[in-house]
Amino acid sequence: MTAKIARRRRATTVLAALTASLCLVGPVPATAELTAPPTPAVAGPPPSDWPDVPEDVTASAVVLVEASSGQRLLERGAEQPRPVASTIKVLTALTAVDRVELDAEVTVGPEVLVEGASVGLRPGETWTVRQLLEAILIRSGNDAAEALATFVGGDTDRFLRLMEQDAARLGLEQRDFGSVTGLGDLHEVSALDLATIARAALAHEQLRPLLARREVTLPGQPTEPNRNLLLGSYPGATGVKTGFTLAAGNSLIASAQRDGRELVAVVLDAGDDPARFTQAARLLDAGFDAYALEQPSVRLDLAVAGGWHSYALPPTTVTTPTDRPASVSVTVPARPPEAQVEVEVHAGAEPLTELAARTLASPSAVAAEAGDGDAGSGTPDAGSAARLGAALVDGAYASLRAASGADALR
């Protein structure tokens, strides 16, 4: 037997013995260690019947993900490895930050004599690790990235091996890097991998404030703005990094927070500036306006001959389009409690994810967990809609017995 509920905004429809409730969850808490961000319950590309990438977003590769879960909402070419220019410096910063003290002093050497974006470091100067991170993330200094990599790893090659180790920890598909700056396009990374890197950086308590800084004053220099123009111009912008080379084109990882949600947008090879900023903003707008973050909590109490059997769905974060009613389908085993129930979460034609509901000892345990009914009564509260009456037992369960060929349902 399969029971279904339609889950609509600000309303809960109860069918037979199934109830569902929704709540909003916040973004992922910050952490001081480099660990893989949470794996989304809804894995893989968004369903084919979900909204398409807006037509005015023309970048060669794009992806929009929920920062808290990693669920993919909008994408095009998201898994294709491409040159990514300076956006890779977010991983450079992640690799360095937990291996040295922020106040450690770095006396730079000839490694800072590199081409491209520079903050003017000269051999023999002494900067702190914190200042080098600011120069990397806010001003995109190639010289600062080379100096920090040499300080942490002993030389650039050894630091690249550390980057590759951390890429493996993060679960990235691409783990072979040729530079710490993105210069020379010696490596290719997918938009999806960049989104994972950004989620890890946003969850890091020491890096997150740097990613959101609108300007910085470096030693002996005037105050300069962040190269990410969305900071200060897009409501709720929280980071993260720009990038440009001829091969990579104008690229951007951008993030923003609104109404308890945080989204990460990646646009690669977006055309002439300011297209990367307008296209990233367009993706973020679409994510905030057309999707909602929810945590369905489903409980199912079955009345069977001689008693009750209860199941509950573990908390699962999903994001669904606001124009598609979400639903939860529960397949009930013919002889509970011989098997766990199978649960599918839907939003549109295709199931988003499959989950196993955990078995509870009794309906009273469900009621106690939900704060509903008398936990000591041994039966659900009469008003909880979890109680199955005689008609359901005699009707639906009679059909179930017939369908299963069982003589008795226990």
Protein backbone atom coordinates (compact mmCIF):
# COMPACT_ATOMS: atom_id res chain seq x y z
CA MET A 1 0.00 0.00 0.00
CA THR A 2 1.31 3.45 -0.83
CA ALA A 3 0.17 6.57 1.02
CA LYS A 4 0.91 10.04 -0.42
CA ILE A 5 0.75 13.53 1.00
CA ALA A 6 0.92 16.82 -0.86
CA ARG A 7 3.06 19.30 1.06
CA ARG A 8 2.07 22.91 0.31
CA ARG A 9 3.35 26.16 1.76
CA ARG A 10 1.86 26.97 5.17
CA ALA A 11 -0.41 23.91 5.06
CA THR A 12 -0.14 20.21 5.81
CA THR A 13 -2.50 17.64 4.32
CA VAL A 14 -2.86 14.40 6.23
CA LEU A 15 -3.86 11.19 4.47
CA ALA A 16 -4.75 8.12 6.51
CA ALA A 17 -1.99 7.47 9.05
CA LEU A 18 0.66 9.83 7.62
CA THR A 19 1.50 13.35 8.77
CA ALA A 20 4.19 15.66 7.47
CA SER A 21 5.59 18.88 8.90
CA LEU A 22 8.09 21.35 7.46
CA CYS A 23 10.67 23.61 9.02
CA LEU A 24 13.41 25.86 7.71
CA VAL A 25 17.01 25.14 8.54
CA GLY A 26 19.87 27.53 8.44
CA PRO A 27 23.08 27.40 6.68
CA VAL A 28 25.93 25.04 7.59
CA PRO A 29 27.71 26.07 10.85
CA ALA A 30 31.32 27.31 10.56
CA THR A 31 34.19 24.98 11.36
CA ALA A 32 37.92 25.49 11.84
CA GLU A 33 38.88 22.22 10.13
CA LEU A 34 38.95 21.37 6.45
CA THR A 35 36.31 18.70 6.08
CA ALA A 36 34.04 17.77 3.23
CA PRO A 37 30.78 19.75 3.25
CA PRO A 38 27.63 17.73 3.94
CA THR A 39 26.65 15.38 1.13
CA PRO A 40 23.22 16.32 -0.20
CA ALA A 41 20.34 13.95 0.45
CA VAL A 42 19.25 14.89 -3.06
CA ALA A 43 22.29 13.94 -5.12
CA GLY A 44 22.98 14.53 -8.79
CA PRO A 45 21.56 17.04 -11.27
CA PRO A 46 18.16 18.63 -10.66
CA PRO A 47 15.18 16.74 -12.13
CA SER A 48 14.49 17.38 -15.79
CA ASP A 49 11.09 18.92 -15.08
CA TRP A 50 12.56 21.60 -12.80
CA PRO A 51 13.23 25.17 -14.01
CA ASP A 52 15.95 25.72 -16.59
CA VAL A 53 18.90 28.09 -16.25
CA PRO A 54 17.59 31.59 -17.06
CA GLU A 55 18.04 32.47 -20.74
CA ASP A 56 20.09 35.57 -19.95
CA VAL A 57 22.71 33.46 -18.14
CA THR A 58 24.99 32.63 -21.07
CA ALA A 59 28.23 31.56 -19.35
CA SER A 60 29.81 28.38 -20.71
CA ALA A 61 29.37 26.52 -17.42
CA VAL A 62 27.12 27.39 -14.48
CA VAL A 63 25.83 25.81 -11.31
CA LEU A 64 23.70 27.01 -8.40
CA VAL A 65 23.76 24.99 -5.17
CA GLU A 66 22.27 25.21 -1.70
CA ALA A 67 25.21 25.98 0.59
CA SER A 68 23.84 24.04 3.56
CA SER A 69 23.25 20.77 1.70
CA GLY A 70 25.04 21.02 -1.65
CA GLN A 71 21.83 20.25 -3.52
CA ARG A 72 22.06 21.34 -7.15
CA LEU A 73 19.23 23.66 -8.20
CA LEU A 74 20.27 25.02 -11.61
CA GLU A 75 23.13 23.97 -13.84
CA ARG A 76 24.60 23.76 -17.31
CA GLY A 77 27.91 22.04 -18.02
CA ALA A 78 28.46 21.83 -14.26
CA GLU A 79 30.57 18.67 -14.30
CA GLN A 80 32.78 19.60 -17.27
CA PRO A 81 36.40 20.40 -16.26
CA ARG A 82 37.47 23.85 -17.50
CA PRO A 83 40.21 26.41 -16.88
CA VAL A 84 39.12 28.38 -13.80
CA ALA A 85 41.85 31.02 -13.35
CA SER A 86 42.08 32.68 -9.91
CA THR A 87 38.95 31.05 -8.53
CA ILE A 88 41.26 28.16 -7.57
CA LYS A 89 42.86 30.46 -4.98
CA VAL A 90 39.99 29.62 -2.65
CA LEU A 91 41.42 26.11 -2.43
CA THR A 92 44.91 27.60 -2.00
CA ALA A 93 43.62 29.51 1.04
CA LEU A 94 41.82 26.45 2.42
CA THR A 95 44.96 24.35 2.10
CA ALA A 96 47.08 26.91 3.96
CA VAL A 97 44.82 28.23 6.70
CA ASP A 98 44.77 25.19 9.01
CA ARG A 99 48.45 24.38 8.64
CA VAL A 100 49.92 27.63 10.01
CA GLU A 101 49.04 30.31 12.56
CA LEU A 102 47.38 33.41 11.14
CA ASP A 103 49.81 35.65 13.04
CA ALA A 104 52.90 33.79 11.80
CA GLU A 105 55.33 36.09 9.99
CA VAL A 106 56.42 35.26 6.46
CA THR A 107 59.59 36.74 4.95
CA VAL A 108 59.02 36.43 1.23
CA GLY A 109 61.61 35.43 -1.35
CA PRO A 110 61.98 35.53 -5.14
CA GLU A 111 58.90 33.36 -5.58
CA VAL A 112 56.83 36.57 -5.46
CA LEU A 113 58.23 37.76 -8.80
CA VAL A 114 55.34 36.42 -10.88
CA GLU A 115 53.14 37.79 -13.64
CA GLY A 116 49.50 38.71 -13.45
CA ALA A 117 47.57 40.29 -10.59
CA SER A 118 49.93 41.43 -7.85
CA VAL A 119 49.78 43.24 -4.53
CA GLY A 120 53.36 44.49 -4.90
CA LEU A 121 55.23 42.09 -2.63
CA ARG A 122 59.01 42.40 -2.80
CA PRO A 123 61.64 39.84 -1.77
CA GLY A 124 62.71 40.41 1.82
CA GLU A 125 59.41 41.92 3.00
CA THR A 126 57.66 40.38 6.00
CA TRP A 127 53.90 39.91 6.07
CA THR A 128 51.70 37.81 8.33
CA VAL A 129 49.78 34.79 7.09
CA ARG A 130 46.55 36.72 7.70
CA GLN A 131 47.74 39.58 5.47
CA LEU A 132 48.72 37.15 2.72
CA LEU A 133 45.28 35.52 2.91
CA GLU A 134 43.66 38.94 2.61
CA ALA A 135 45.82 39.70 -0.41
CA ILE A 136 44.87 36.37 -2.02
CA LEU A 137 41.12 36.39 -1.39
CA ILE A 138 40.33 40.10 -1.59
CA ARG A 139 42.89 41.41 -4.11
CA SER A 140 43.68 38.11 -5.92
CA GLY A 141 47.42 38.59 -5.53
CA ASN A 142 49.42 35.95 -7.38
CA ASP A 143 52.55 37.03 -5.53
CA ALA A 144 50.80 36.51 -2.18
CA ALA A 145 49.62 33.04 -3.22
CA GLU A 146 53.15 32.02 -4.20
CA ALA A 147 54.60 33.41 -0.96
CA LEU A 148 52.05 31.61 1.23
CA ALA A 149 52.44 28.33 -0.66
CA THR A 150 56.22 28.44 -0.26
CA PHE A 151 55.92 29.22 3.45
CA VAL A 152 53.45 26.42 4.15
CA GLY A 153 54.81 23.72 1.87
CA GLY A 154 58.50 24.57 1.71
CA ASP A 155 58.13 25.05 -2.04
CA THR A 156 55.28 25.30 -4.51
CA ASP A 157 55.45 21.68 -5.68
CA ARG A 158 55.03 20.31 -2.18
CA PHE A 159 52.18 22.73 -1.52
CA LEU A 160 50.45 21.49 -4.67
CA ARG A 161 50.59 17.96 -3.24
CA LEU A 162 48.86 19.30 -0.11
CA MET A 163 46.20 20.90 -2.32
CA GLU A 164 45.63 17.57 -3.99
CA GLN A 165 45.26 15.86 -0.61
CA ASP A 166 42.68 18.42 0.44
CA ALA A 167 40.87 18.09 -2.89
CA ALA A 168 40.51 14.38 -2.12
CA ARG A 169 39.16 15.18 1.36
CA LEU A 170 36.58 17.47 -0.18
CA GLY A 171 35.55 14.76 -2.64
CA LEU A 172 36.50 16.77 -5.73
CA GLU A 173 36.53 14.99 -9.06
CA GLN A 174 39.60 16.97 -10.23
CA ARG A 175 42.64 16.51 -7.96
CA ASP A 176 45.61 17.37 -10.20
CA PHE A 177 46.75 20.98 -9.93
CA GLY A 178 49.54 22.76 -11.77
CA SER A 179 49.63 26.10 -9.96
CA VAL A 180 48.48 27.79 -6.77
CA THR A 181 47.30 30.88 -8.65
CA GLY A 182 45.38 29.61 -11.68
CA LEU A 183 47.95 31.16 -14.01
CA GLY A 184 48.91 29.21 -17.09
CA ASP A 185 45.69 27.17 -16.98
CA LEU A 186 47.73 24.18 -15.86
CA HIS A 187 44.67 22.48 -14.44
CA GLU A 188 40.96 22.25 -15.12
CA VAL A 189 38.20 22.14 -12.53
CA SER A 190 34.44 21.83 -12.91
CA ALA A 191 31.95 24.44 -11.78
CA LEU A 192 30.52 21.83 -9.42
CA ASP A 193 33.92 21.25 -7.78
CA LEU A 194 34.35 25.02 -7.36
CA ALA A 195 30.97 25.15 -5.62
CA THR A 196 32.16 22.44 -3.21
CA ILE A 197 35.37 24.38 -2.52
CA ALA A 198 33.35 27.53 -1.89
CA ARG A 199 31.00 25.74 0.52
CA ALA A 200 33.99 24.51 2.52
CA ALA A 201 35.49 28.01 2.64
CA LEU A 202 32.20 29.60 3.68
CA ALA A 203 31.95 27.04 6.50
CA HIS A 204 35.44 27.91 7.77
CA GLU A 205 35.32 30.33 10.70
CA GLN A 206 38.60 32.04 9.76
CA LEU A 207 38.07 32.32 6.02
CA ARG A 208 34.39 33.29 5.93
CA PRO A 209 34.96 36.85 7.24
CA LEU A 210 37.73 37.41 4.67
CA LEU A 211 35.51 36.28 1.81
CA ALA A 212 32.90 38.89 2.78
CA ARG A 213 35.28 41.83 3.15
CA ARG A 214 34.47 44.68 0.78
CA GLU A 215 37.91 46.27 1.02
CA VAL A 216 41.34 45.76 2.52
CA THR A 217 44.31 47.86 3.58
CA LEU A 218 47.54 45.94 3.04
CA PRO A 219 50.95 46.96 4.47
CA GLY A 220 52.22 50.17 2.91
CA GLN A 221 49.28 50.41 0.51
CA PRO A 222 46.05 52.40 0.21
CA THR A 223 42.69 50.81 0.91
CA GLU A 224 41.56 48.79 -2.10
CA PRO A 225 38.14 47.24 -2.91
CA ASN A 226 37.37 43.56 -3.22
CA ARG A 227 37.41 42.46 -6.86
CA ASN A 228 34.04 40.76 -6.29
CA LEU A 229 31.70 43.60 -7.20
CA LEU A 230 28.64 41.80 -5.80
CA LEU A 231 29.86 42.56 -2.28
CA GLY A 232 28.09 45.76 -1.36
CA SER A 233 25.85 45.73 -4.44
CA TYR A 234 23.92 42.45 -4.19
CA PRO A 235 21.66 42.11 -1.11
CA GLY A 236 23.07 39.57 1.32
CA ALA A 237 26.25 38.84 -0.67
CA THR A 238 28.77 36.82 1.38
CA GLY A 239 31.66 36.14 -1.06
CA VAL A 240 33.61 34.46 -2.68
CA LYS A 241 36.15 34.89 -5.60
CA THR A 242 36.74 36.23 -9.11
CA GLY A 243 38.97 34.81 -11.83
CA PHE A 244 40.19 35.70 -15.31
CA THR A 245 42.61 34.37 -17.90
CA LEU A 246 42.23 34.31 -21.67
CA ALA A 247 41.51 30.57 -21.55
CA ALA A 248 39.13 30.72 -18.58
CA GLY A 249 37.34 33.92 -19.50
CA ASN A 250 35.69 36.09 -16.89
CA SER A 251 34.61 33.75 -14.10
CA LEU A 252 33.11 34.09 -10.64
CA ILE A 253 32.12 32.12 -7.58
CA ALA A 254 29.44 34.12 -5.74
CA SER A 255 27.40 33.49 -2.61
CA ALA A 256 24.57 35.23 -0.82
CA GLN A 257 22.34 34.72 2.21
CA ARG A 258 18.66 35.53 2.52
CA ASP A 259 15.85 34.40 4.84
CA GLY A 260 17.91 31.69 6.51
CA ARG A 261 19.29 30.26 3.27
CA GLU A 262 22.68 30.62 1.60
CA LEU A 263 23.28 29.88 -2.08
CA VAL A 264 26.50 29.47 -4.07
CA ALA A 265 26.57 30.36 -7.78
CA VAL A 266 29.43 29.59 -10.17
CA VAL A 267 29.72 31.11 -13.65
CA LEU A 268 32.68 30.21 -15.87
CA ASP A 269 33.59 32.02 -19.10
CA ALA A 270 30.75 34.51 -18.77
CA GLY A 271 31.82 36.95 -21.50
CA ASP A 272 32.83 40.57 -21.13
CA ASP A 273 32.58 42.23 -17.74
CA PRO A 274 30.33 42.94 -15.94
CA ALA A 275 28.52 39.88 -17.33
CA ARG A 276 29.92 37.49 -14.71
CA PHE A 277 28.44 39.62 -11.93
CA THR A 278 25.04 40.15 -13.57
CA GLN A 279 24.76 36.47 -14.50
CA ALA A 280 25.73 35.26 -11.03
CA ALA A 281 23.21 37.68 -9.54
CA ARG A 282 20.58 36.34 -11.92
CA LEU A 283 21.26 32.78 -10.75
CA LEU A 284 21.08 33.82 -7.10
CA ASP A 285 17.80 35.66 -7.71
CA ALA A 286 16.33 32.59 -9.37
CA GLY A 287 17.40 30.41 -6.46
CA PHE A 288 15.95 32.66 -3.78
CA ASP A 289 12.74 33.48 -5.66
CA ALA A 290 11.83 30.11 -7.15
CA TYR A 291 12.99 27.61 -4.50
CA ALA A 292 12.35 26.94 -0.82
CA LEU A 293 14.48 25.06 1.71
CA GLU A 294 12.48 22.53 3.69
CA GLN A 295 12.95 19.66 6.12
CA PRO A 296 10.07 17.21 5.89
CA SER A 297 9.37 15.19 9.03
CA VAL A 298 7.11 12.23 8.32
CA ARG A 299 5.59 9.81 10.79
CA LEU A 300 3.54 6.76 9.99
CA ASP A 301 1.54 4.71 12.51
CA LEU A 302 0.07 1.43 11.30
CA ALA A 303 -2.82 -0.27 13.07
CA VAL A 304 -2.44 -4.02 12.68
CA ALA A 305 -4.08 -7.02 14.26
CA GLY A 306 -3.14 -6.99 17.90
CA GLY A 307 -1.52 -3.55 18.06
CA TRP A 308 0.39 -0.81 16.30
CA HIS A 309 3.65 -0.40 14.44
CA SER A 310 5.35 2.96 13.93
CA TYR A 311 7.93 4.48 11.59
CA ALA A 312 9.53 7.93 11.38
CA LEU A 313 11.54 9.57 8.61
CA PRO A 314 14.90 10.95 9.81
CA PRO A 315 15.36 14.72 9.30
CA THR A 316 16.25 15.33 5.66
CA THR A 317 16.91 18.72 4.10
CA VAL A 318 15.56 19.23 0.59
CA THR A 319 15.09 22.26 -1.64
CA THR A 320 12.11 22.31 -3.98
CA PRO A 321 10.70 24.75 -6.56
CA THR A 322 7.98 26.91 -5.05
CA ASP A 323 5.69 26.33 -8.06
CA ARG A 324 5.68 22.55 -7.63
CA PRO A 325 3.81 20.98 -4.70
CA ALA A 326 6.18 18.70 -2.84
CA SER A 327 5.05 15.25 -1.74
CA VAL A 328 6.22 12.27 0.25
CA SER A 329 5.38 8.72 -0.80
CA VAL A 330 5.55 5.90 1.74
CA THR A 331 5.38 2.24 0.72
CA VAL A 332 4.07 0.10 3.57
CA PRO A 333 5.37 -3.49 3.93
CA ALA A 334 2.76 -6.23 3.77
CA ARG A 335 3.76 -7.62 7.17
CA PRO A 336 5.10 -4.88 9.42
CA PRO A 337 7.50 -4.91 11.16
CA GLU A 338 9.29 -7.44 8.93
CA ALA A 339 10.78 -4.69 6.74
CA GLN A 340 11.35 -0.96 6.99
CA VAL A 341 9.08 1.28 4.99
CA GLU A 342 10.43 2.84 1.81
CA VAL A 343 10.14 6.61 1.50
CA GLU A 344 10.44 8.80 -1.60
CA VAL A 345 10.47 12.60 -1.58
CA HIS A 346 9.04 14.17 -4.74
CA ALA A 347 8.77 17.66 -6.22
CA GLY A 348 7.53 17.18 -9.75
CA ALA A 349 7.43 14.03 -11.84
CA GLU A 350 10.73 12.52 -10.71
CA PRO A 351 11.56 11.38 -7.16
CA LEU A 352 14.22 13.54 -5.53
CA THR A 353 15.54 10.99 -3.09
CA GLU A 354 14.83 7.64 -1.47
CA LEU A 355 15.09 7.21 2.28
CA ALA A 356 14.55 4.47 4.83
CA ALA A 357 12.24 5.39 7.67
CA ARG A 358 13.50 4.28 11.06
CA THR A 359 11.39 1.96 13.17
CA LEU A 360 9.98 3.31 16.43
CA ALA A 361 8.95 1.20 19.39
CA SER A 362 5.34 2.34 19.51
CA PRO A 363 2.99 5.10 18.42
CA SER A 364 3.51 6.68 21.83
CA ALA A 365 7.20 7.08 20.96
CA VAL A 366 6.20 8.92 17.80
CA ALA A 367 3.82 11.13 19.74
CA ALA A 368 6.46 11.91 22.36
CA GLU A 369 9.05 12.74 19.70
CA ALA A 370 6.64 15.05 17.89
CA GLY A 371 5.32 16.60 21.11
CA ASP A 372 1.90 15.31 20.12
CA GLY A 373 -0.58 13.39 22.22
CA ASP A 374 -0.11 11.50 25.47
CA ALA A 375 3.30 9.79 25.36
CA GLY A 376 2.34 7.40 28.12
CA SER A 377 -1.03 6.32 26.79
CA GLY A 378 0.25 3.67 24.37
CA THR A 379 -2.05 5.05 21.66
CA PRO A 380 -1.88 8.21 19.55
CA ASP A 381 -3.95 11.23 20.51
CA ALA A 382 -7.41 11.06 18.97
CA GLY A 383 -6.85 14.38 17.20
CA SER A 384 -3.43 13.55 15.78
CA ALA A 385 -4.73 11.92 12.59
CA ALA A 386 -2.22 9.12 13.24
CA ARG A 387 -4.93 6.74 14.51
CA LEU A 388 -6.34 4.25 12.03
CA GLY A 389 -9.97 3.40 12.61
CA ALA A 390 -11.79 0.16 12.11
CA ALA A 391 -12.80 1.16 8.59
CA LEU A 392 -9.17 1.49 7.52
CA VAL A 393 -8.25 -1.82 9.12
CA ASP A 394 -11.25 -3.59 7.58
CA GLY A 395 -10.95 -1.84 4.22
CA ALA A 396 -7.43 -0.88 3.21
CA TYR A 397 -5.76 -3.67 5.10
CA ALA A 398 -8.17 -6.21 3.69
CA SER A 399 -7.07 -5.05 0.24
CA LEU A 400 -3.44 -5.28 1.30
CA ARG A 401 -3.94 -8.84 2.54
CA ALA A 402 -5.56 -9.77 -0.74
CA ALA A 403 -2.81 -8.16 -2.79
CA SER A 404 -0.08 -9.87 -0.79
CA GLY A 405 -1.79 -13.22 -0.63
CA ALA A 406 -1.37 -13.24 3.15
CA ASP A 407 -3.88 -15.06 5.31
CA ALA A 408 -3.37 -12.65 8.18
CA LEU A 409 -1.63 -9.36 8.75
CA ARG A 410 0.24 -9.23 12.03
